[in-house]
Amino acid sequence: MTLTELRYIVAVARERHFGKAAETCFVSQPTLSVAVKKLEEELGVTLFERASAEVAVTPAGQKIVEQAQRVLEESARIKEIAAAAAIRSPGRFASARSTPSGPTCCPS
């Protein structure tokens, strides 16, 4: 599960349409649809009932979309905290990043 996939499901829930959600996310509709389907498969639950006219959020999907929105808000807060710290102590990140003892990446 990625933040991008969470952004996509929040957009689909808000727009009630995969094409419109894709436009708001600046991706193609197939890209968004594949990502949502992948997330549904990963979670083992259907998030959206797809109909020709409108997309409906399933009851489980509603809870997941609400949590996804909170995760995205917290992610934005992390970026705000980091930006504020960078302003207070510029240049510290560059030296901390070059320390070889820490992990270079984290699996998602």
Protein backbone atom coordinates (compact mmCIF):
# COMPACT_ATOMS: atom_id res chain seq x y z
CA MET A 1 0.00 0.00 0.00
CA THR A 2 1.33 3.40 -0.96
CA LEU A 3 0.37 6.98 -0.27
CA THR A 4 -0.37 7.32 -3.97
CA GLU A 5 -2.90 4.49 -3.82
CA LEU A 6 -4.47 6.12 -0.77
CA ARG A 7 -4.72 9.42 -2.65
CA TYR A 8 -6.42 7.60 -5.50
CA ILE A 9 -9.09 5.94 -3.35
CA VAL A 10 -9.82 9.22 -1.56
CA ALA A 11 -10.23 10.90 -4.95
CA VAL A 12 -12.53 8.14 -6.27
CA ALA A 13 -14.67 8.34 -3.14
CA ARG A 14 -14.89 12.13 -3.45
CA GLU A 15 -15.57 12.23 -7.20
CA ARG A 16 -17.70 9.05 -7.39
CA HIS A 17 -16.17 8.53 -10.82
CA PHE A 18 -12.88 6.92 -11.86
CA GLY A 19 -12.31 9.24 -14.84
CA LYS A 20 -12.89 12.41 -12.82
CA ALA A 21 -10.74 11.08 -9.98
CA ALA A 22 -7.95 10.35 -12.46
CA GLU A 23 -8.15 13.93 -13.75
CA THR A 24 -7.85 15.36 -10.24
CA CYS A 25 -4.84 13.09 -9.60
CA PHE A 26 -3.25 14.00 -12.96
CA VAL A 27 -3.03 10.38 -14.12
CA SER A 28 -4.78 8.33 -16.78
CA GLN A 29 -7.96 6.52 -15.84
CA PRO A 30 -6.41 3.08 -16.50
CA THR A 31 -3.47 3.93 -14.22
CA LEU A 32 -5.81 4.91 -11.41
CA SER A 33 -8.10 1.91 -11.94
CA VAL A 34 -5.21 -0.55 -11.89
CA ALA A 35 -3.82 0.98 -8.70
CA VAL A 36 -7.23 0.84 -6.96
CA LYS A 37 -7.74 -2.77 -8.05
CA LYS A 38 -4.25 -3.65 -6.80
CA LEU A 39 -5.04 -2.10 -3.42
CA GLU A 40 -8.36 -3.94 -3.23
CA GLU A 41 -6.55 -7.21 -3.94
CA GLU A 42 -3.88 -6.44 -1.35
CA LEU A 43 -6.51 -5.65 1.28
CA GLY A 44 -8.83 -8.47 0.22
CA VAL A 45 -11.87 -6.21 0.16
CA THR A 46 -13.91 -4.38 -2.47
CA LEU A 47 -13.74 -0.65 -1.85
CA PHE A 48 -16.04 0.50 -4.63
CA GLU A 49 -19.13 -0.83 -6.38
CA ARG A 50 -18.61 0.06 -9.99
CA ALA A 51 -21.65 1.00 -12.07
CA SER A 52 -21.82 2.65 -15.46
CA ALA A 53 -23.26 5.90 -14.12
CA GLU A 54 -21.62 6.27 -10.72
CA VAL A 55 -19.19 4.63 -8.34
CA ALA A 56 -20.45 3.82 -4.84
CA VAL A 57 -18.21 3.29 -1.84
CA THR A 58 -18.82 0.00 -0.05
CA PRO A 59 -19.31 0.07 3.74
CA ALA A 60 -15.81 -1.36 4.27
CA GLY A 61 -14.51 1.04 1.64
CA GLN A 62 -15.98 4.00 3.51
CA LYS A 63 -14.05 3.10 6.66
CA ILE A 64 -10.86 2.54 4.68
CA VAL A 65 -11.25 5.80 2.75
CA GLU A 66 -11.76 7.70 6.01
CA GLN A 67 -8.60 6.15 7.45
CA ALA A 68 -6.72 6.85 4.21
CA GLN A 69 -7.70 10.52 4.50
CA ARG A 70 -6.30 10.62 8.04
CA VAL A 71 -3.07 8.95 6.87
CA LEU A 72 -2.69 11.51 4.08
CA GLU A 73 -3.27 14.36 6.53
CA GLU A 74 -0.66 12.93 8.89
CA SER A 75 1.75 12.50 5.99
CA ALA A 76 1.32 16.17 5.16
CA ARG A 77 1.95 17.01 8.81
CA ILE A 78 5.24 15.06 8.72
CA LYS A 79 6.33 17.16 5.74
CA GLU A 80 5.41 20.36 7.63
CA ILE A 81 7.44 19.26 10.65
CA ALA A 82 10.42 18.43 8.46
CA ALA A 83 10.19 21.74 6.61
CA ALA A 84 10.06 23.66 9.88
CA ALA A 85 13.08 21.75 11.18
CA ALA A 86 15.01 22.42 7.97
CA ILE A 87 14.35 26.14 8.30
CA ARG A 88 15.60 26.15 11.91
CA SER A 89 18.77 24.20 11.15
CA PRO A 90 19.68 24.33 7.45
CA GLY A 91 22.41 22.01 6.27
CA ARG A 92 21.96 19.37 8.96
CA PHE A 93 20.19 16.94 6.62
CA ALA A 94 23.11 16.79 4.21
CA SER A 95 25.55 15.72 6.91
CA ALA A 96 23.09 13.30 8.54
CA ARG A 97 22.32 11.68 5.21
CA SER A 98 25.95 10.90 4.52
CA THR A 99 26.28 8.85 7.72
CA PRO A 100 26.89 5.25 6.55
CA SER A 101 25.58 3.56 9.71
CA GLY A 102 21.88 4.18 9.05
CA PRO A 103 19.58 2.32 6.66
CA THR A 104 19.50 3.58 3.11
CA CYS A 105 15.92 2.63 2.44
CA CYS A 106 12.86 1.20 4.09
CA PRO A 107 10.52 -1.36 2.49
CA SER A 108 6.92 -0.26 2.17
